């Protein structure tokens, strides 16, 4: 679906109109994204990890662990930040249906907002979890960049990859206790991918020229395990500057390949060898 860019106006109008429209924002977004489909609130399927209040509005970690009901498999996962200028903030398209999928991303939270993760399964069902996130202010998407735009281009596309300790798998440890997990063979390794990219929103002002910096952000991240596609993530201006994405990698994988493209057509590719590979 190509609805991500088209939703900019929906959230902007809600921000301008103020809190009185807050209750209606999701209904407008839901109709734009899913039509007549109403995702079901299902905390037993979608475990959302988000702070009650952001520690850093331009770089807030939002994550989720999704485990499909028995007999179903996850095919796509969407992170939706209602009040952001691009509410559909990240979409993970799984190369093959999976029983379980976990991710965390560093996101801009533009102001107080509902945050949602919606998972679609191969049965055409949609499951959701939601939470309200407070912020320290309003306007993270327009906040000045942390790096000079010209300097940021010098390392554009540089990627770093690392495996994280198993102790970091707090969501997995919690969900393994639920009946829904009885037939899940989980991945045992959590990894983090860091991408050097300014993620310019188009709403930021150059502090020297006082001109708006043209929009340029991560458009797609394709991840492979031993040359076998794992997932593709479609990005948006909600991704933080130099975003970091955490995800699980197959236990037997010896190499992870990543291809990143941005909205200006720049393409970068890296292959990382895992321990034992």
Protein backbone atom coordinates (compact mmCIF):
# COMPACT_ATOMS: atom_id res chain seq x y z
CA UNK A 1 0.00 0.00 0.00
CA UNK A 2 1.19 3.53 -0.77
CA UNK A 3 -0.82 5.32 1.92
CA UNK A 4 2.07 6.41 4.16
CA UNK A 5 2.75 9.75 2.45
CA UNK A 6 -0.95 10.48 2.02
CA UNK A 7 -1.63 10.45 5.75
CA UNK A 8 0.46 13.53 6.49
CA UNK A 9 -2.54 15.85 6.31
CA UNK A 10 -4.69 13.75 8.61
CA UNK A 11 -2.33 14.07 11.57
CA UNK A 12 -1.41 17.69 10.84
CA UNK A 13 -5.06 18.74 10.86
CA UNK A 14 -5.53 16.98 14.19
CA UNK A 15 -2.53 18.77 15.69
CA UNK A 16 -3.78 22.15 14.51
CA UNK A 17 -7.32 21.53 15.74
CA UNK A 18 -6.10 20.59 19.21
CA UNK A 19 -7.04 18.01 21.83
CA UNK A 20 -10.76 18.14 21.07
CA UNK A 21 -10.18 15.94 18.02
CA UNK A 22 -7.92 13.46 19.82
CA UNK A 23 -10.59 10.79 20.14
CA UNK A 24 -11.34 10.95 16.44
CA UNK A 25 -7.76 10.81 15.17
CA UNK A 26 -7.51 7.03 15.30
CA UNK A 27 -10.85 6.50 13.60
CA UNK A 28 -9.73 8.74 10.73
CA UNK A 29 -6.38 6.98 10.50
CA UNK A 30 -7.92 3.53 10.75
CA UNK A 31 -10.33 4.27 7.92
CA UNK A 32 -7.53 5.65 5.74
CA UNK A 33 -5.22 2.72 6.40
CA UNK A 34 -7.50 -0.26 6.82
CA UNK A 35 -10.84 0.76 5.34
CA UNK A 36 -13.65 -1.16 7.00
CA UNK A 37 -11.27 -3.38 8.96
CA UNK A 38 -11.12 -2.72 12.71
CA UNK A 39 -7.96 -4.15 14.33
CA UNK A 40 -8.78 -6.05 17.52
CA UNK A 41 -7.13 -5.02 20.77
CA UNK A 42 -5.20 -8.14 21.72
CA UNK A 43 -2.51 -7.76 24.42
CA UNK A 44 -2.09 -11.55 24.39
CA UNK A 45 -0.91 -11.29 20.76
CA UNK A 46 0.84 -7.91 20.66
CA UNK A 47 3.07 -6.83 23.55
CA UNK A 48 3.90 -3.12 23.14
CA UNK A 49 6.99 -1.61 24.74
CA UNK A 50 6.78 2.19 25.05
CA UNK A 51 7.61 4.73 27.77
CA UNK A 52 4.88 6.51 29.72
CA UNK A 53 6.85 9.70 29.13
CA UNK A 54 9.62 10.14 26.58
CA UNK A 55 13.15 10.55 27.87
CA UNK A 56 14.17 12.12 24.55
CA UNK A 57 11.40 13.22 22.16
CA UNK A 58 13.56 13.02 18.99
CA UNK A 59 14.90 9.57 19.92
CA UNK A 60 12.44 7.39 21.80
CA UNK A 61 12.54 3.60 21.72
CA UNK A 62 9.26 1.95 20.71
CA UNK A 63 9.09 -1.80 20.33
CA UNK A 64 6.80 -4.80 20.29
CA UNK A 65 6.76 -8.57 20.41
CA UNK A 66 4.05 -10.23 18.32
CA UNK A 67 3.11 -13.87 18.65
CA UNK A 68 0.28 -15.01 16.39
CA UNK A 69 -2.55 -17.12 17.79
CA UNK A 70 -2.11 -20.85 17.30
CA UNK A 71 -2.77 -21.71 13.66
CA UNK A 72 -1.96 -18.19 12.39
CA UNK A 73 1.26 -16.57 11.18
CA UNK A 74 2.34 -12.92 11.17
CA UNK A 75 2.80 -11.37 7.71
CA UNK A 76 3.06 -7.62 8.38
CA UNK A 77 3.54 -5.34 11.38
CA UNK A 78 2.89 -1.60 11.45
CA UNK A 79 3.95 1.01 14.00
CA UNK A 80 1.48 3.89 14.05
CA UNK A 81 2.08 7.12 15.97
CA UNK A 82 -1.26 8.91 15.77
CA UNK A 83 -0.16 12.53 16.15
CA UNK A 84 3.03 12.40 14.09
CA UNK A 85 3.00 14.13 10.69
CA UNK A 86 3.50 10.68 9.13
CA UNK A 87 1.47 8.48 11.48
CA UNK A 88 2.36 5.22 9.73
CA UNK A 89 5.87 5.38 11.08
CA UNK A 90 7.37 1.99 10.18
CA UNK A 91 5.98 -1.06 8.40
CA UNK A 92 7.68 -4.46 8.57
CA UNK A 93 6.83 -6.79 5.69
CA UNK A 94 7.93 -10.32 6.57
CA UNK A 95 9.41 -12.34 3.72
CA UNK A 96 7.68 -15.46 5.02
CA UNK A 97 4.83 -15.73 7.52
CA UNK A 98 6.22 -16.17 11.03
CA UNK A 99 4.73 -17.31 14.31
CA UNK A 100 6.58 -14.57 16.19
CA UNK A 101 8.27 -11.28 15.35
CA UNK A 102 9.99 -8.72 17.56
CA UNK A 103 11.30 -5.23 16.81
CA UNK A 104 12.38 -2.00 18.47
CA UNK A 105 13.07 1.29 16.72
CA UNK A 106 14.28 4.75 17.72
CA UNK A 107 11.49 7.14 16.79
CA UNK A 108 10.60 10.82 16.87
CA UNK A 109 7.53 11.48 19.01
CA UNK A 110 6.19 14.83 17.87
CA UNK A 111 3.91 15.44 20.84
CA UNK A 112 1.62 13.64 23.29
CA UNK A 113 0.10 10.80 21.31
CA UNK A 114 -1.37 7.33 21.17
CA UNK A 115 1.10 4.78 19.83
CA UNK A 116 -0.13 1.54 18.24
CA UNK A 117 1.33 -1.63 16.82
CA UNK A 118 -0.91 -3.52 14.40
CA UNK A 119 -0.09 -7.04 13.25
CA UNK A 120 -1.67 -8.72 10.23
CA UNK A 121 -1.76 -12.50 9.92
CA UNK A 122 -2.06 -14.90 7.02
CA UNK A 123 -5.72 -15.38 7.93
CA UNK A 124 -6.40 -11.73 7.16
CA UNK A 125 -6.89 -10.85 10.81
CA UNK A 126 -5.54 -7.70 12.45
CA UNK A 127 -4.43 -7.55 16.08
CA UNK A 128 -3.41 -4.39 17.93
CA UNK A 129 -2.01 -3.01 21.15
CA UNK A 130 -1.93 0.68 22.05
CA UNK A 131 -0.51 3.03 24.68
CA UNK A 132 -0.43 6.75 25.38
CA UNK A 133 2.98 8.43 25.40
CA UNK A 134 3.59 11.81 26.99
CA UNK A 135 6.36 14.07 25.73
CA UNK A 136 8.42 16.90 27.13
CA UNK A 137 7.19 19.23 24.40
CA UNK A 138 5.64 19.47 20.95
CA UNK A 139 7.65 19.48 17.75
CA UNK A 140 10.29 16.73 17.70
CA UNK A 141 9.81 16.34 13.95
CA UNK A 142 10.77 19.99 13.49
CA UNK A 143 13.59 20.06 16.05
CA UNK A 144 16.96 21.16 14.62
CA UNK A 145 19.14 18.25 13.46
CA UNK A 146 21.89 17.14 15.80
CA UNK A 147 24.47 17.14 13.00
CA UNK A 148 25.27 19.76 10.37
CA UNK A 149 23.46 18.62 7.18
CA UNK A 150 26.65 18.77 5.10
CA UNK A 151 28.65 16.80 7.65
CA UNK A 152 25.87 14.21 7.93
CA UNK A 153 26.22 13.43 4.22
CA UNK A 154 29.85 12.37 4.71
CA UNK A 155 28.83 9.24 6.64
CA UNK A 156 25.43 8.73 5.02
CA UNK A 157 24.59 5.05 4.78
CA UNK A 158 27.23 3.74 7.17
CA UNK A 159 25.79 0.76 9.03
CA UNK A 160 26.83 -1.02 12.20
CA UNK A 161 25.46 -4.35 13.40
CA UNK A 162 25.82 -6.17 16.71
CA UNK A 163 24.27 -9.02 18.63
CA UNK A 164 22.78 -8.14 21.99
CA UNK A 165 22.90 -10.22 25.15
CA UNK A 166 20.03 -12.65 25.61
CA UNK A 167 19.19 -10.84 28.84
CA UNK A 168 17.84 -8.07 26.63
CA UNK A 169 15.00 -10.30 25.49
CA UNK A 170 12.65 -9.09 28.20
CA UNK A 171 9.54 -9.18 26.02
CA UNK A 172 10.24 -12.76 24.96
CA UNK A 173 10.85 -13.84 28.55
CA UNK A 174 7.48 -12.43 29.57
CA UNK A 175 5.47 -13.79 26.67
CA UNK A 176 6.94 -17.30 26.88
CA UNK A 177 4.76 -17.74 29.97
CA UNK A 178 1.50 -17.28 28.05
CA UNK A 179 -0.53 -20.16 26.55
CA UNK A 180 -0.35 -18.50 23.13
CA UNK A 181 3.36 -19.36 23.00
CA UNK A 182 3.01 -23.12 23.45
CA UNK A 183 4.05 -24.04 19.90
CA UNK A 184 6.55 -21.23 19.30
CA UNK A 185 10.18 -22.05 18.65
CA UNK A 186 11.66 -18.61 19.31
CA UNK A 187 14.75 -17.07 17.81
CA UNK A 188 17.36 -16.82 20.54
CA UNK A 189 19.44 -13.91 19.28
CA UNK A 190 18.49 -10.26 19.35
CA UNK A 191 20.47 -7.88 17.14
CA UNK A 192 20.73 -4.13 16.64
CA UNK A 193 21.32 -2.35 13.34
CA UNK A 194 22.49 1.26 13.46
CA UNK A 195 22.21 3.42 10.33
CA UNK A 196 23.94 6.75 9.78
CA UNK A 197 21.25 8.91 8.21
CA UNK A 198 20.08 12.44 9.11
CA UNK A 199 16.45 11.46 8.57
CA UNK A 200 15.48 14.99 7.60
CA UNK A 201 11.75 15.49 8.03
CA UNK A 202 11.33 18.51 5.75
CA UNK A 203 10.10 20.45 8.79
CA UNK A 204 13.55 21.29 10.20
CA UNK A 205 15.32 24.60 9.73
CA UNK A 206 19.02 24.97 8.98
CA UNK A 207 20.32 26.95 11.96
CA UNK A 208 22.76 28.89 9.78
CA UNK A 209 20.80 29.67 6.60
CA UNK A 210 17.40 29.64 8.37
CA UNK A 211 16.03 27.75 5.37
CA UNK A 212 14.06 24.54 5.67
CA UNK A 213 16.12 21.41 5.03
CA UNK A 214 14.59 19.27 2.25
CA UNK A 215 13.01 16.03 3.37
CA UNK A 216 15.27 12.97 3.10
CA UNK A 217 14.82 9.84 5.17
CA UNK A 218 15.24 6.08 5.16
CA UNK A 219 12.77 4.65 2.67
CA UNK A 220 13.43 0.91 2.99
CA UNK A 221 15.65 -1.46 4.93
CA UNK A 222 15.80 -5.02 3.57
CA UNK A 223 17.33 -7.64 5.86
CA UNK A 224 18.54 -11.08 4.81
CA UNK A 225 19.78 -14.03 6.88
CA UNK A 226 22.31 -16.12 4.94
CA UNK A 227 21.03 -14.51 1.71
CA UNK A 228 17.47 -15.54 2.51
CA UNK A 229 15.10 -12.54 2.84
CA UNK A 230 13.95 -11.98 6.41
CA UNK A 231 11.94 -8.76 6.24
CA UNK A 232 11.68 -5.32 4.68
CA UNK A 233 11.00 -2.22 6.74
CA UNK A 234 9.44 0.84 5.12
CA UNK A 235 10.44 4.01 6.96
CA UNK A 236 9.14 7.54 7.39
CA UNK A 237 10.14 10.88 8.91
CA UNK A 238 9.19 9.38 12.28
CA UNK A 239 12.50 7.50 12.32
CA UNK A 240 15.02 9.29 14.50
CA UNK A 241 18.23 10.79 13.23
CA UNK A 242 20.73 7.92 12.83
CA UNK A 243 18.04 5.35 13.60
CA UNK A 244 18.65 2.05 15.37
CA UNK A 245 16.48 -1.01 14.76
CA UNK A 246 16.48 -4.14 16.89
CA UNK A 247 15.18 -7.48 15.67
CA UNK A 248 15.68 -11.20 16.12
CA UNK A 249 17.95 -13.24 13.88
CA UNK A 250 17.68 -17.00 13.28
CA UNK A 251 19.76 -19.05 15.67
CA UNK A 252 21.58 -20.87 12.86
CA UNK A 253 22.35 -17.80 10.73
CA UNK A 254 26.02 -17.07 10.08
CA UNK A 255 25.59 -13.87 8.08
CA UNK A 256 23.20 -10.92 7.96
CA UNK A 257 22.85 -8.82 4.81
CA UNK A 258 21.28 -5.36 4.82
CA UNK A 259 20.28 -3.12 1.92
CA UNK A 260 19.15 0.40 2.76
CA UNK A 261 17.67 2.91 0.33
CA UNK A 262 16.55 6.45 1.09
CA UNK A 263 14.03 8.79 -0.47
CA UNK A 264 16.70 10.36 -2.69
CA UNK A 265 17.46 6.98 -4.26
CA UNK A 266 20.77 6.43 -2.48
CA UNK A 267 21.43 2.72 -1.95
CA UNK A 268 23.81 1.12 0.55
CA UNK A 269 24.54 -2.55 1.15
CA UNK A 270 26.46 -4.33 3.91
CA UNK A 271 27.04 -7.93 4.99
CA UNK A 272 27.87 -8.79 8.58
CA UNK A 273 29.36 -12.08 9.72
CA UNK A 274 27.95 -13.45 12.95
CA UNK A 275 30.06 -15.22 15.59
CA UNK A 276 30.83 -18.73 14.42
CA UNK A 277 30.22 -17.79 10.80
